[in-house]
Full PDB file with SEQRES, HELIX, SHEET, SSBOND, CRYST1, ORIGX, SCALE, CONECT and MASTER records, all heavy atoms in Angstrom:
SEQRES   1 A   40  VAL LEU THR GLN ASN GLY LYS ALA ALA GLY VAL LEU LEU          
SEQRES   2 A   40  SER PRO ALA GLU PHE ASP ARG LEU THR GLU ARG ALA ARG          
SEQRES   3 A   40  PHE LEU SER ALA ILE ASP GLU GLY LEU GLU ASP GLU ARG          
SEQRES   4 A   40  GLU                                                          
HELIX    1 AA1 PRO A   15  ARG A   39  1                                  25    
SHEET    1 AA1 2 LEU A   2  GLN A   4  0                                        
SHEET    2 AA1 2 LYS A   7  GLY A  10 -1                                        
CRYST1    1.000    1.000    1.000  90.00  90.00  90.00 P 1           1          
ORIGX1      1.000000  0.000000  0.000000        0.00000                         
ORIGX2      0.000000  1.000000  0.000000        0.00000                         
ORIGX3      0.000000  0.000000  1.000000        0.00000                         
SCALE1      1.000000  0.000000  0.000000        0.00000                         
SCALE2      0.000000  1.000000  0.000000        0.00000                         
SCALE3      0.000000  0.000000  1.000000        0.00000                         
ATOM      1  N   VAL A   1     138.969 147.396  81.422  1.00  0.00           N  
ATOM      2  CA  VAL A   1     140.096 147.831  80.605  1.00  0.00           C  
ATOM      3  C   VAL A   1     141.320 147.164  81.155  1.00  0.00           C  
ATOM      4  O   VAL A   1     141.677 147.319  82.331  1.00  0.00           O  
ATOM      5  CB  VAL A   1     140.270 149.348  80.605  1.00  0.00           C  
ATOM      6  CG1 VAL A   1     141.478 149.773  79.760  1.00  0.00           C  
ATOM      7  CG2 VAL A   1     138.991 150.017  80.076  1.00  0.00           C  
ATOM      8  N   LEU A   2     142.051 146.414  80.285  1.00  0.00           N  
ATOM      9  CA  LEU A   2     143.304 145.739  80.677  1.00  0.00           C  
ATOM     10  C   LEU A   2     144.453 146.651  80.229  1.00  0.00           C  
ATOM     11  O   LEU A   2     144.472 147.093  79.069  1.00  0.00           O  
ATOM     12  CB  LEU A   2     143.398 144.396  80.022  1.00  0.00           C  
ATOM     13  CG  LEU A   2     142.232 143.430  80.279  1.00  0.00           C  
ATOM     14  CD1 LEU A   2     142.390 142.141  79.506  1.00  0.00           C  
ATOM     15  CD2 LEU A   2     142.148 143.151  81.744  1.00  0.00           C  
ATOM     16  N   THR A   3     145.392 146.859  81.121  1.00  0.00           N  
ATOM     17  CA  THR A   3     146.531 147.698  80.812  1.00  0.00           C  
ATOM     18  C   THR A   3     147.799 146.863  80.761  1.00  0.00           C  
ATOM     19  O   THR A   3     147.930 145.843  81.409  1.00  0.00           O  
ATOM     20  CB  THR A   3     146.695 148.841  81.838  1.00  0.00           C  
ATOM     21  OG1 THR A   3     147.001 148.248  83.110  1.00  0.00           O  
ATOM     22  CG2 THR A   3     145.518 149.713  81.867  1.00  0.00           C  
ATOM     23  N   GLN A   4     148.734 147.287  79.955  1.00  0.00           N  
ATOM     24  CA  GLN A   4     150.036 146.703  79.830  1.00  0.00           C  
ATOM     25  C   GLN A   4     151.044 147.823  79.790  1.00  0.00           C  
ATOM     26  O   GLN A   4     150.904 148.741  78.948  1.00  0.00           O  
ATOM     27  CB  GLN A   4     150.115 145.821  78.593  1.00  0.00           C  
ATOM     28  CG  GLN A   4     151.296 144.944  78.490  1.00  0.00           C  
ATOM     29  CD  GLN A   4     151.156 143.947  77.340  1.00  0.00           C  
ATOM     30  OE1 GLN A   4     150.519 144.284  76.327  1.00  0.00           O  
ATOM     31  NE2 GLN A   4     151.706 142.744  77.539  1.00  0.00           N  
ATOM     32  N   ASN A   5     151.986 147.803  80.665  1.00  0.00           N  
ATOM     33  CA  ASN A   5     152.955 148.896  80.816  1.00  0.00           C  
ATOM     34  C   ASN A   5     152.295 150.242  80.978  1.00  0.00           C  
ATOM     35  O   ASN A   5     152.702 151.238  80.408  1.00  0.00           O  
ATOM     36  CB  ASN A   5     153.912 148.909  79.608  1.00  0.00           C  
ATOM     37  CG  ASN A   5     154.686 147.628  79.471  1.00  0.00           C  
ATOM     38  OD1 ASN A   5     155.120 147.030  80.461  1.00  0.00           O  
ATOM     39  ND2 ASN A   5     154.867 147.137  78.252  1.00  0.00           N  
ATOM     40  N   GLY A   6     151.169 150.252  81.717  1.00  0.00           N  
ATOM     41  CA  GLY A   6     150.466 151.480  82.041  1.00  0.00           C  
ATOM     42  C   GLY A   6     149.569 152.034  80.935  1.00  0.00           C  
ATOM     43  O   GLY A   6     148.990 153.092  81.105  1.00  0.00           O  
ATOM     44  N   LYS A   7     149.460 151.321  79.837  1.00  0.00           N  
ATOM     45  CA  LYS A   7     148.628 151.779  78.737  1.00  0.00           C  
ATOM     46  C   LYS A   7     147.529 150.774  78.436  1.00  0.00           C  
ATOM     47  O   LYS A   7     147.743 149.593  78.616  1.00  0.00           O  
ATOM     48  CB  LYS A   7     149.450 152.016  77.471  1.00  0.00           C  
ATOM     49  CG  LYS A   7     150.508 153.122  77.609  1.00  0.00           C  
ATOM     50  CD  LYS A   7     151.287 153.298  76.314  1.00  0.00           C  
ATOM     51  CE  LYS A   7     152.298 154.408  76.504  1.00  0.00           C  
ATOM     52  NZ  LYS A   7     153.090 154.620  75.325  1.00  0.00           N  
ATOM     53  N   ALA A   8     146.396 151.277  77.977  1.00  0.00           N  
ATOM     54  CA  ALA A   8     145.289 150.383  77.639  1.00  0.00           C  
ATOM     55  C   ALA A   8     145.757 149.379  76.552  1.00  0.00           C  
ATOM     56  O   ALA A   8     146.350 149.771  75.569  1.00  0.00           O  
ATOM     57  CB  ALA A   8     144.068 151.187  77.154  1.00  0.00           C  
ATOM     58  N   ALA A   9     145.503 148.081  76.795  1.00  0.00           N  
ATOM     59  CA  ALA A   9     145.939 147.070  75.874  1.00  0.00           C  
ATOM     60  C   ALA A   9     144.781 146.231  75.345  1.00  0.00           C  
ATOM     61  O   ALA A   9     144.877 145.576  74.330  1.00  0.00           O  
ATOM     62  CB  ALA A   9     146.933 146.123  76.523  1.00  0.00           C  
ATOM     63  N   GLY A  10     143.609 146.319  76.074  1.00  0.00           N  
ATOM     64  CA  GLY A  10     142.434 145.525  75.601  1.00  0.00           C  
ATOM     65  C   GLY A  10     141.276 145.863  76.494  1.00  0.00           C  
ATOM     66  O   GLY A  10     141.415 146.500  77.536  1.00  0.00           O  
ATOM     67  N   VAL A  11     140.127 145.387  76.073  1.00  0.00           N  
ATOM     68  CA  VAL A  11     138.889 145.584  76.846  1.00  0.00           C  
ATOM     69  C   VAL A  11     138.175 144.261  76.924  1.00  0.00           C  
ATOM     70  O   VAL A  11     137.979 143.598  75.903  1.00  0.00           O  
ATOM     71  CB  VAL A  11     137.972 146.656  76.197  1.00  0.00           C  
ATOM     72  CG1 VAL A  11     136.668 146.811  76.973  1.00  0.00           C  
ATOM     73  CG2 VAL A  11     138.692 148.000  76.078  1.00  0.00           C  
ATOM     74  N   LEU A  12     137.772 143.902  78.113  1.00  0.00           N  
ATOM     75  CA  LEU A  12     137.012 142.673  78.360  1.00  0.00           C  
ATOM     76  C   LEU A  12     135.546 143.012  78.505  1.00  0.00           C  
ATOM     77  O   LEU A  12     135.186 143.890  79.290  1.00  0.00           O  
ATOM     78  CB  LEU A  12     137.531 142.008  79.635  1.00  0.00           C  
ATOM     79  CG  LEU A  12     136.778 140.768  80.103  1.00  0.00           C  
ATOM     80  CD1 LEU A  12     137.062 139.628  79.122  1.00  0.00           C  
ATOM     81  CD2 LEU A  12     137.218 140.364  81.494  1.00  0.00           C  
ATOM     82  N   LEU A  13     134.711 142.349  77.680  1.00  0.00           N  
ATOM     83  CA  LEU A  13     133.264 142.570  77.746  1.00  0.00           C  
ATOM     84  C   LEU A  13     132.575 141.258  78.080  1.00  0.00           C  
ATOM     85  O   LEU A  13     133.065 140.192  77.702  1.00  0.00           O  
ATOM     86  CB  LEU A  13     132.728 143.015  76.389  1.00  0.00           C  
ATOM     87  CG  LEU A  13     133.236 144.321  75.833  1.00  0.00           C  
ATOM     88  CD1 LEU A  13     132.748 144.534  74.401  1.00  0.00           C  
ATOM     89  CD2 LEU A  13     132.802 145.485  76.702  1.00  0.00           C  
ATOM     90  N   SER A  14     131.438 141.336  78.736  1.00  0.00           N  
ATOM     91  CA  SER A  14     130.655 140.145  78.981  1.00  0.00           C  
ATOM     92  C   SER A  14     130.076 139.690  77.633  1.00  0.00           C  
ATOM     93  O   SER A  14     129.916 140.508  76.731  1.00  0.00           O  
ATOM     94  CB  SER A  14     129.515 140.435  79.934  1.00  0.00           C  
ATOM     95  OG  SER A  14     128.539 141.270  79.337  1.00  0.00           O  
ATOM     96  N   PRO A  15     129.733 138.417  77.480  1.00  0.00           N  
ATOM     97  CA  PRO A  15     129.108 137.943  76.254  1.00  0.00           C  
ATOM     98  C   PRO A  15     127.838 138.718  75.901  1.00  0.00           C  
ATOM     99  O   PRO A  15     127.609 139.105  74.722  1.00  0.00           O  
ATOM    100  CB  PRO A  15     128.811 136.489  76.510  1.00  0.00           C  
ATOM    101  CG  PRO A  15     129.863 136.079  77.497  1.00  0.00           C  
ATOM    102  CD  PRO A  15     130.004 137.263  78.372  1.00  0.00           C  
ATOM    103  N   ALA A  16     127.027 139.039  76.912  1.00  0.00           N  
ATOM    104  CA  ALA A  16     125.786 139.793  76.646  1.00  0.00           C  
ATOM    105  C   ALA A  16     126.061 141.188  76.155  1.00  0.00           C  
ATOM    106  O   ALA A  16     125.374 141.688  75.236  1.00  0.00           O  
ATOM    107  CB  ALA A  16     124.974 139.862  77.963  1.00  0.00           C  
ATOM    108  N   GLU A  17     127.052 141.849  76.692  1.00  0.00           N  
ATOM    109  CA  GLU A  17     127.420 143.193  76.250  1.00  0.00           C  
ATOM    110  C   GLU A  17     127.999 143.166  74.844  1.00  0.00           C  
ATOM    111  O   GLU A  17     127.696 144.011  74.027  1.00  0.00           O  
ATOM    112  CB  GLU A  17     128.377 143.832  77.249  1.00  0.00           C  
ATOM    113  CG  GLU A  17     128.648 145.323  76.952  1.00  0.00           C  
ATOM    114  CD  GLU A  17     127.427 146.256  77.043  1.00  0.00           C  
ATOM    115  OE1 GLU A  17     126.374 145.828  77.492  1.00  0.00           O  
ATOM    116  OE2 GLU A  17     127.576 147.415  76.657  1.00  0.00           O  
ATOM    117  N   PHE A  18     128.840 142.158  74.563  1.00  0.00           N  
ATOM    118  CA  PHE A  18     129.405 142.014  73.230  1.00  0.00           C  
ATOM    119  C   PHE A  18     128.253 141.802  72.230  1.00  0.00           C  
ATOM    120  O   PHE A  18     128.238 142.428  71.170  1.00  0.00           O  
ATOM    121  CB  PHE A  18     130.343 140.788  73.187  1.00  0.00           C  
ATOM    122  CG  PHE A  18     130.915 140.564  71.831  1.00  0.00           C  
ATOM    123  CD1 PHE A  18     131.988 141.328  71.375  1.00  0.00           C  
ATOM    124  CD2 PHE A  18     130.380 139.567  71.001  1.00  0.00           C  
ATOM    125  CE1 PHE A  18     132.496 141.089  70.075  1.00  0.00           C  
ATOM    126  CE2 PHE A  18     130.883 139.378  69.755  1.00  0.00           C  
ATOM    127  CZ  PHE A  18     131.956 140.127  69.271  1.00  0.00           C  
ATOM    128  N   ASP A  19     127.287 140.920  72.561  1.00  0.00           N  
ATOM    129  CA  ASP A  19     126.150 140.693  71.652  1.00  0.00           C  
ATOM    130  C   ASP A  19     125.354 141.991  71.428  1.00  0.00           C  
ATOM    131  O   ASP A  19     124.969 142.295  70.314  1.00  0.00           O  
ATOM    132  CB  ASP A  19     125.207 139.636  72.212  1.00  0.00           C  
ATOM    133  CG  ASP A  19     125.778 138.229  72.155  1.00  0.00           C  
ATOM    134  OD1 ASP A  19     126.771 138.032  71.394  1.00  0.00           O  
ATOM    135  OD2 ASP A  19     125.253 137.312  72.834  1.00  0.00           O  
ATOM    136  N   ARG A  20     125.148 142.740  72.504  1.00  0.00           N  
ATOM    137  CA  ARG A  20     124.381 144.020  72.396  1.00  0.00           C  
ATOM    138  C   ARG A  20     125.090 144.963  71.425  1.00  0.00           C  
ATOM    139  O   ARG A  20     124.495 145.566  70.580  1.00  0.00           O  
ATOM    140  CB  ARG A  20     124.182 144.630  73.778  1.00  0.00           C  
ATOM    141  CG  ARG A  20     123.322 145.856  73.766  1.00  0.00           C  
ATOM    142  CD  ARG A  20     123.310 146.617  75.101  1.00  0.00           C  
ATOM    143  NE  ARG A  20     124.541 147.332  75.301  1.00  0.00           N  
ATOM    144  CZ  ARG A  20     124.845 148.491  74.768  1.00  0.00           C  
ATOM    145  NH1 ARG A  20     123.981 149.095  73.939  1.00  0.00           N  
ATOM    146  NH2 ARG A  20     125.947 149.110  75.004  1.00  0.00           N  
ATOM    147  N   LEU A  21     126.384 145.084  71.611  1.00  0.00           N  
ATOM    148  CA  LEU A  21     127.162 146.010  70.786  1.00  0.00           C  
ATOM    149  C   LEU A  21     127.220 145.537  69.303  1.00  0.00           C  
ATOM    150  O   LEU A  21     127.055 146.365  68.373  1.00  0.00           O  
ATOM    151  CB  LEU A  21     128.566 146.142  71.320  1.00  0.00           C  
ATOM    152  CG  LEU A  21     128.718 146.909  72.629  1.00  0.00           C  
ATOM    153  CD1 LEU A  21     130.165 146.813  73.155  1.00  0.00           C  
ATOM    154  CD2 LEU A  21     128.295 148.357  72.440  1.00  0.00           C  
ATOM    155  N   THR A  22     127.372 144.262  69.074  1.00  0.00           N  
ATOM    156  CA  THR A  22     127.441 143.767  67.698  1.00  0.00           C  
ATOM    157  C   THR A  22     126.070 143.844  67.010  1.00  0.00           C  
ATOM    158  O   THR A  22     125.970 144.129  65.802  1.00  0.00           O  
ATOM    159  CB  THR A  22     128.029 142.374  67.579  1.00  0.00           C  
ATOM    160  OG1 THR A  22     127.290 141.449  68.392  1.00  0.00           O  
ATOM    161  CG2 THR A  22     129.502 142.317  68.014  1.00  0.00           C  
ATOM    162  N   GLU A  23     125.012 143.554  67.772  1.00  0.00           N  
ATOM    163  CA  GLU A  23     123.662 143.702  67.211  1.00  0.00           C  
ATOM    164  C   GLU A  23     123.376 145.171  66.823  1.00  0.00           C  
ATOM    165  O   GLU A  23     122.794 145.432  65.776  1.00  0.00           O  
ATOM    166  CB  GLU A  23     122.623 143.182  68.171  1.00  0.00           C  
ATOM    167  CG  GLU A  23     122.599 141.680  68.294  1.00  0.00           C  
ATOM    168  CD  GLU A  23     121.791 141.140  69.439  1.00  0.00           C  
ATOM    169  OE1 GLU A  23     121.045 141.945  70.058  1.00  0.00           O  
ATOM    170  OE2 GLU A  23     121.912 139.948  69.725  1.00  0.00           O  
ATOM    171  N   ARG A  24     123.812 146.064  67.689  1.00  0.00           N  
ATOM    172  CA  ARG A  24     123.621 147.481  67.410  1.00  0.00           C  
ATOM    173  C   ARG A  24     124.410 147.893  66.147  1.00  0.00           C  
ATOM    174  O   ARG A  24     123.922 148.628  65.318  1.00  0.00           O  
ATOM    175  CB  ARG A  24     124.035 148.310  68.593  1.00  0.00           C  
ATOM    176  CG  ARG A  24     123.867 149.797  68.401  1.00  0.00           C  
ATOM    177  CD  ARG A  24     124.309 150.565  69.670  1.00  0.00           C  
ATOM    178  NE  ARG A  24     124.368 151.957  69.411  1.00  0.00           N  
ATOM    179  CZ  ARG A  24     123.372 152.835  69.690  1.00  0.00           C  
ATOM    180  NH1 ARG A  24     122.275 152.400  70.170  1.00  0.00           N  
ATOM    181  NH2 ARG A  24     123.546 154.104  69.399  1.00  0.00           N  
ATOM    182  N   ALA A  25     125.648 147.378  66.049  1.00  0.00           N  
ATOM    183  CA  ALA A  25     126.456 147.735  64.874  1.00  0.00           C  
ATOM    184  C   ALA A  25     125.840 147.185  63.601  1.00  0.00           C  
ATOM    185  O   ALA A  25     125.792 147.879  62.576  1.00  0.00           O  
ATOM    186  CB  ALA A  25     127.860 147.156  65.076  1.00  0.00           C  
ATOM    187  N   ARG A  26     125.293 145.959  63.633  1.00  0.00           N  
ATOM    188  CA  ARG A  26     124.617 145.392  62.452  1.00  0.00           C  
ATOM    189  C   ARG A  26     123.371 146.208  62.094  1.00  0.00           C  
ATOM    190  O   ARG A  26     123.108 146.501  60.907  1.00  0.00           O  
ATOM    191  CB  ARG A  26     124.218 143.944  62.674  1.00  0.00           C  
ATOM    192  CG  ARG A  26     125.421 142.999  62.576  1.00  0.00           C  
ATOM    193  CD  ARG A  26     124.993 141.530  62.515  1.00  0.00           C  
ATOM    194  NE  ARG A  26     124.186 141.125  63.674  1.00  0.00           N  
ATOM    195  CZ  ARG A  26     124.667 140.637  64.807  1.00  0.00           C  
ATOM    196  NH1 ARG A  26     125.957 140.506  64.937  1.00  0.00           N  
ATOM    197  NH2 ARG A  26     123.824 140.274  65.743  1.00  0.00           N  
ATOM    198  N   PHE A  27     122.600 146.651  63.122  1.00  0.00           N  
ATOM    199  CA  PHE A  27     121.434 147.438  62.861  1.00  0.00           C  
ATOM    200  C   PHE A  27     121.768 148.771  62.214  1.00  0.00           C  
ATOM    201  O   PHE A  27     121.175 149.184  61.228  1.00  0.00           O  
ATOM    202  CB  PHE A  27     120.716 147.681  64.208  1.00  0.00           C  
ATOM    203  CG  PHE A  27     119.476 148.543  64.057  1.00  0.00           C  
ATOM    204  CD1 PHE A  27     118.304 148.049  63.479  1.00  0.00           C  
ATOM    205  CD2 PHE A  27     119.500 149.856  64.530  1.00  0.00           C  
ATOM    206  CE1 PHE A  27     117.179 148.855  63.383  1.00  0.00           C  
ATOM    207  CE2 PHE A  27     118.382 150.668  64.409  1.00  0.00           C  
ATOM    208  CZ  PHE A  27     117.227 150.173  63.843  1.00  0.00           C  
ATOM    209  N   LEU A  28     122.807 149.439  62.742  1.00  0.00           N  
ATOM    210  CA  LEU A  28     123.218 150.709  62.156  1.00  0.00           C  
ATOM    211  C   LEU A  28     123.762 150.565  60.779  1.00  0.00           C  
ATOM    212  O   LEU A  28     123.553 151.407  59.917  1.00  0.00           O  
ATOM    213  CB  LEU A  28     124.229 151.410  63.086  1.00  0.00           C  
ATOM    214  CG  LEU A  28     123.700 151.868  64.440  1.00  0.00           C  
ATOM    215  CD1 LEU A  28     124.842 152.348  65.365  1.00  0.00           C  
ATOM    216  CD2 LEU A  28     122.640 152.888  64.278  1.00  0.00           C  
ATOM    217  N   SER A  29     124.454 149.468  60.494  1.00  0.00           N  
ATOM    218  CA  SER A  29     125.013 149.183  59.176  1.00  0.00           C  
ATOM    219  C   SER A  29     123.840 148.980  58.217  1.00  0.00           C  
ATOM    220  O   SER A  29     123.896 149.461  57.033  1.00  0.00           O  
ATOM    221  CB  SER A  29     125.876 147.954  59.216  1.00  0.00           C  
ATOM    222  OG  SER A  29     126.337 147.664  57.940  1.00  0.00           O  
ATOM    223  N   ALA A  30     122.778 148.289  58.622  1.00  0.00           N  
ATOM    224  CA  ALA A  30     121.624 148.034  57.753  1.00  0.00           C  
ATOM    225  C   ALA A  30     120.927 149.354  57.451  1.00  0.00           C  
ATOM    226  O   ALA A  30     120.497 149.565  56.305  1.00  0.00           O  
ATOM    227  CB  ALA A  30     120.664 147.087  58.449  1.00  0.00           C  
ATOM    228  N   ILE A  31     120.850 150.264  58.402  1.00  0.00           N  
ATOM    229  CA  ILE A  31     120.276 151.589  58.129  1.00  0.00           C  
ATOM    230  C   ILE A  31     121.129 152.333  57.107  1.00  0.00           C  
ATOM    231  O   ILE A  31     120.585 152.899  56.179  1.00  0.00           O  
ATOM    232  CB  ILE A  31     120.171 152.391  59.484  1.00  0.00           C  
ATOM    233  CG1 ILE A  31     119.095 151.802  60.335  1.00  0.00           C  
ATOM    234  CG2 ILE A  31     119.882 153.852  59.162  1.00  0.00           C  
ATOM    235  CD1 ILE A  31     119.002 152.393  61.735  1.00  0.00           C  
ATOM    236  N   ASP A  32     122.465 152.303  57.298  1.00  0.00           N  
ATOM    237  CA  ASP A  32     123.298 152.984  56.369  1.00  0.00           C  
ATOM    238  C   ASP A  32     123.141 152.380  54.945  1.00  0.00           C  
ATOM    239  O   ASP A  32     123.115 153.164  53.965  1.00  0.00           O  
ATOM    240  CB  ASP A  32     124.793 152.847  56.793  1.00  0.00           C  
ATOM    241  CG  ASP A  32     125.140 153.690  57.987  1.00  0.00           C  
ATOM    242  OD1 ASP A  32     124.401 154.656  58.266  1.00  0.00           O  
ATOM    243  OD2 ASP A  32     126.185 153.407  58.600  1.00  0.00           O  
ATOM    244  N   GLU A  33     123.033 151.061  54.826  1.00  0.00           N  
ATOM    245  CA  GLU A  33     122.839 150.428  53.511  1.00  0.00           C  
ATOM    246  C   GLU A  33     121.503 150.892  52.899  1.00  0.00           C  
ATOM    247  O   GLU A  33     121.440 151.188  51.675  1.00  0.00           O  
ATOM    248  CB  GLU A  33     122.858 148.909  53.648  1.00  0.00           C  
ATOM    249  CG  GLU A  33     124.226 148.380  53.930  1.00  0.00           C  
ATOM    250  CD  GLU A  33     124.193 146.838  54.109  1.00  0.00           C  
ATOM    251  OE1 GLU A  33     123.289 146.191  53.575  1.00  0.00           O  
ATOM    252  OE2 GLU A  33     125.093 146.354  54.813  1.00  0.00           O  
ATOM    253  N   GLY A  34     120.479 150.958  53.692  1.00  0.00           N  
ATOM    254  CA  GLY A  34     119.186 151.368  53.230  1.00  0.00           C  
ATOM    255  C   GLY A  34     119.208 152.832  52.742  1.00  0.00           C  
ATOM    256  O   GLY A  34     118.623 153.160  51.708  1.00  0.00           O  
ATOM    257  N   LEU A  35     119.856 153.675  53.496  1.00  0.00           N  
ATOM    258  CA  LEU A  35     119.950 155.070  53.074  1.00  0.00           C  
ATOM    259  C   LEU A  35     120.761 155.221  51.810  1.00  0.00           C  
ATOM    260  O   LEU A  35     120.429 156.021  50.931  1.00  0.00           O  
ATOM    261  CB  LEU A  35     120.605 155.902  54.226  1.00  0.00           C  
ATOM    262  CG  LEU A  35     119.715 156.104  55.449  1.00  0.00           C  
ATOM    263  CD1 LEU A  35     120.531 156.736  56.566  1.00  0.00           C  
ATOM    264  CD2 LEU A  35     118.472 156.880  55.138  1.00  0.00           C  
ATOM    265  N   GLU A  36     121.794 154.418  51.654  1.00  0.00           N  
ATOM    266  CA  GLU A  36     122.634 154.420  50.429  1.00  0.00           C  
ATOM    267  C   GLU A  36     121.748 153.934  49.263  1.00  0.00           C  
ATOM    268  O   GLU A  36     121.849 154.515  48.138  1.00  0.00           O  
ATOM    269  CB  GLU A  36     123.855 153.561  50.617  1.00  0.00           C  
ATOM    270  CG  GLU A  36     124.759 153.523  49.386  1.00  0.00           C  
ATOM    271  CD  GLU A  36     125.401 154.850  48.956  1.00  0.00           C  
ATOM    272  OE1 GLU A  36     125.504 155.738  49.857  1.00  0.00           O  
ATOM    273  OE2 GLU A  36     125.799 154.956  47.822  1.00  0.00           O  
ATOM    274  N   ASP A  37     121.002 152.862  49.466  1.00  0.00           N  
ATOM    275  CA  ASP A  37     120.111 152.405  48.396  1.00  0.00           C  
ATOM    276  C   ASP A  37     119.144 153.484  47.956  1.00  0.00           C  
ATOM    277  O   ASP A  37     118.904 153.719  46.779  1.00  0.00           O  
ATOM    278  CB  ASP A  37     119.310 151.166  48.860  1.00  0.00           C  
ATOM    279  CG  ASP A  37     120.113 149.912  48.910  1.00  0.00           C  
ATOM    280  OD1 ASP A  37     121.242 149.855  48.328  1.00  0.00           O  
ATOM    281  OD2 ASP A  37     119.659 148.957  49.569  1.00  0.00           O  
ATOM    282  N   GLU A  38     118.613 154.226  48.940  1.00  0.00           N  
ATOM    283  CA  GLU A  38     117.644 155.284  48.611  1.00  0.00           C  
ATOM    284  C   GLU A  38     118.367 156.404  47.829  1.00  0.00           C  
ATOM    285  O   GLU A  38     117.879 156.901  46.822  1.00  0.00           O  
ATOM    286  CB  GLU A  38     117.031 155.864  49.910  1.00  0.00           C  
ATOM    287  CG  GLU A  38     115.802 156.722  49.694  1.00  0.00           C  
ATOM    288  CD  GLU A  38     116.191 158.182  49.307  1.00  0.00           C  
ATOM    289  OE1 GLU A  38     117.212 158.661  49.787  1.00  0.00           O  
ATOM    290  OE2 GLU A  38     115.389 158.777  48.581  1.00  0.00           O  
ATOM    291  N   ARG A  39     119.565 156.778  48.246  1.00  0.00           N  
ATOM    292  CA  ARG A  39     120.332 157.821  47.519  1.00  0.00           C  
ATOM    293  C   ARG A  39     120.655 157.377  46.090  1.00  0.00           C  
ATOM    294  O   ARG A  39     120.642 158.203  45.187  1.00  0.00           O  
ATOM    295  CB  ARG A  39     121.643 158.097  48.259  1.00  0.00           C  
ATOM    296  CG  ARG A  39     121.484 159.104  49.397  1.00  0.00           C  
ATOM    297  CD  ARG A  39     122.872 159.588  49.880  1.00  0.00           C  
ATOM    298  NE  ARG A  39     123.642 158.534  50.502  1.00  0.00           N  
ATOM    299  CZ  ARG A  39     123.572 158.126  51.757  1.00  0.00           C  
ATOM    300  NH1 ARG A  39     122.677 158.687  52.585  1.00  0.00           N  
ATOM    301  NH2 ARG A  39     124.318 157.147  52.174  1.00  0.00           N  
ATOM    302  N   GLU A  40     120.939 156.143  45.887  1.00  0.00           N  
ATOM    303  CA  GLU A  40     121.310 155.608  44.590  1.00  0.00           C  
ATOM    304  C   GLU A  40     120.117 155.193  43.728  1.00  0.00           C  
ATOM    305  O   GLU A  40     120.267 154.724  42.642  1.00  0.00           O  
ATOM    306  CB  GLU A  40     122.260 154.408  44.714  1.00  0.00           C  
ATOM    307  CG  GLU A  40     123.585 154.748  45.402  1.00  0.00           C  
ATOM    308  CD  GLU A  40     124.418 155.690  44.574  1.00  0.00           C  
ATOM    309  OE1 GLU A  40     124.399 155.554  43.327  1.00  0.00           O  
ATOM    310  OE2 GLU A  40     125.095 156.548  45.150  1.00  0.00           O  
TER     311      GLU A  40                                                      
MASTER        0    0    0    1    2    0    0    6  310    1    0    4          
END                                                                             
């Protein structure tokens, strides 16, 4: 966590952690889309 004037200003992630988080977000989004398709 990078701070500026004592407040959080940004977060630095490793490339591997960034990839893990974005892959997880895409997976969860695909689940949401599938559930919406089923509801509709």
